[in-house]
Amino acid sequence: MSARLGTRYRCMLYALEGDVDARTAPWLTDQLLGACRDQSGDALVLNLRHLSFFGAAGLQCLNTVAEVAQVLDIHVSIWDPPPFARRVLRAGDLHPSVLVEPPD
């Protein structure tokens, strides 16, 4: 699992690669919560295009981050989730404030 942060136009953009599973999700959660708490942007965008696995732990990570982001008035968006990640997002209970692009 790797995550690269870039900031542009008050937007925190993470391009995620590899697996988001029970082993990597706690690290990713810490990274994303840290970015939110640093208030380096008004929006947190997660590009999932290059993921090879996304499990229930990833959904839990996103929901935890979305709850904190909502309190801090930071918008969360997910870009280009692969089909297997979309299935997890649909089957799970994704936080209602998270925008998924493109929509189903």
Protein backbone atom coordinates (compact mmCIF):
# COMPACT_ATOMS: atom_id res chain seq x y z
CA MET A 1 0.00 0.00 0.00
CA SER A 2 1.25 3.42 -0.85
CA ALA A 3 -0.35 6.83 -0.75
CA ARG A 4 1.03 9.96 -2.37
CA LEU A 5 -0.22 13.34 -1.22
CA GLY A 6 -0.37 16.32 -3.51
CA THR A 7 -2.09 19.61 -2.74
CA ARG A 8 -3.56 21.91 -5.31
CA TYR A 9 -6.27 24.55 -5.05
CA ARG A 10 -6.81 23.79 -1.34
CA CYS A 11 -7.48 20.16 -2.21
CA MET A 12 -5.64 17.23 -0.64
CA LEU A 13 -5.27 14.57 -3.30
CA TYR A 14 -4.17 11.04 -2.44
CA ALA A 15 -3.39 8.54 -5.19
CA LEU A 16 -3.65 5.12 -3.55
CA GLU A 17 -1.88 2.03 -4.89
CA GLY A 18 -1.80 -1.58 -3.74
CA ASP A 19 -4.08 -3.17 -1.16
CA VAL A 20 -6.34 -1.57 1.42
CA ASP A 21 -6.91 -4.43 3.82
CA ALA A 22 -6.84 -5.15 7.56
CA ARG A 23 -3.06 -4.81 7.57
CA THR A 24 -2.80 -1.47 5.72
CA ALA A 25 -6.06 0.28 6.65
CA PRO A 26 -4.89 1.49 10.11
CA TRP A 27 -1.85 3.19 8.53
CA LEU A 28 -4.00 4.76 5.81
CA THR A 29 -6.55 5.94 8.39
CA ASP A 30 -3.76 7.66 10.36
CA GLN A 31 -2.40 9.32 7.20
CA LEU A 32 -5.80 10.64 6.10
CA LEU A 33 -6.85 11.79 9.57
CA GLY A 34 -3.52 13.59 9.94
CA ALA A 35 -4.10 15.41 6.66
CA CYS A 36 -7.59 16.43 7.77
CA ARG A 37 -6.38 17.64 11.16
CA ASP A 38 -3.58 19.66 9.53
CA GLN A 39 -6.32 21.52 7.64
CA SER A 40 -4.19 21.75 4.48
CA GLY A 41 -7.28 21.86 2.30
CA ASP A 42 -11.05 22.09 2.05
CA ALA A 43 -11.42 18.79 0.20
CA LEU A 44 -9.90 15.34 0.51
CA VAL A 45 -9.83 13.43 -2.77
CA LEU A 46 -8.86 9.76 -2.90
CA ASN A 47 -7.99 8.35 -6.31
CA LEU A 48 -8.53 4.59 -6.09
CA ARG A 49 -7.77 3.79 -9.73
CA HIS A 50 -4.57 1.86 -9.00
CA LEU A 51 -5.78 -0.28 -6.10
CA SER A 52 -5.38 -4.03 -6.40
CA PHE A 53 -7.60 -4.87 -3.39
CA PHE A 54 -10.14 -2.98 -1.29
CA GLY A 55 -11.81 -4.79 1.58
CA ALA A 56 -14.13 -4.09 4.50
CA ALA A 57 -11.26 -2.53 6.46
CA GLY A 58 -10.96 0.04 3.67
CA LEU A 59 -14.64 0.89 4.01
CA GLN A 60 -14.21 1.31 7.76
CA CYS A 61 -11.21 3.57 7.10
CA LEU A 62 -13.22 5.77 4.73
CA ASN A 63 -16.13 6.03 7.14
CA THR A 64 -13.87 7.01 10.04
CA VAL A 65 -12.15 9.66 7.93
CA ALA A 66 -15.49 10.94 6.57
CA GLU A 67 -16.90 11.41 10.08
CA VAL A 68 -13.90 13.48 11.19
CA ALA A 69 -13.78 15.39 7.90
CA GLN A 70 -17.45 16.32 8.21
CA VAL A 71 -16.85 17.83 11.65
CA LEU A 72 -13.89 19.79 10.23
CA ASP A 73 -15.94 20.93 7.19
CA ILE A 74 -13.76 19.02 4.72
CA HIS A 75 -15.43 17.41 1.72
CA VAL A 76 -14.42 13.82 0.87
CA SER A 77 -14.49 12.45 -2.67
CA ILE A 78 -13.50 9.11 -4.12
CA TRP A 79 -12.34 9.06 -7.73
CA ASP A 80 -12.23 6.15 -10.14
CA PRO A 81 -12.86 3.19 -7.86
CA PRO A 82 -12.25 -0.11 -9.68
CA PRO A 83 -15.23 -2.49 -9.97
CA PHE A 84 -14.21 -4.58 -6.95
CA ALA A 85 -13.98 -1.44 -4.79
CA ARG A 86 -17.35 -0.20 -6.05
CA ARG A 87 -18.91 -3.49 -4.93
CA VAL A 88 -17.54 -3.01 -1.40
CA LEU A 89 -18.69 0.63 -1.33
CA ARG A 90 -22.18 -0.38 -2.50
CA ALA A 91 -22.48 -3.44 -0.24
CA GLY A 92 -21.22 -1.57 2.81
CA ASP A 93 -22.70 1.47 4.42
CA LEU A 94 -20.52 4.28 3.02
CA HIS A 95 -20.83 7.55 4.95
CA PRO A 96 -23.50 9.67 3.20
CA SER A 97 -21.23 12.71 2.88
CA VAL A 98 -18.72 10.90 0.63
CA LEU A 99 -19.01 11.65 -3.08
CA VAL A 100 -18.03 8.87 -5.49
CA GLU A 101 -16.97 9.94 -8.99
CA PRO A 102 -17.98 8.92 -11.52
CA PRO A 103 -21.31 7.88 -10.03
CA ASP A 104 -22.77 4.45 -10.80
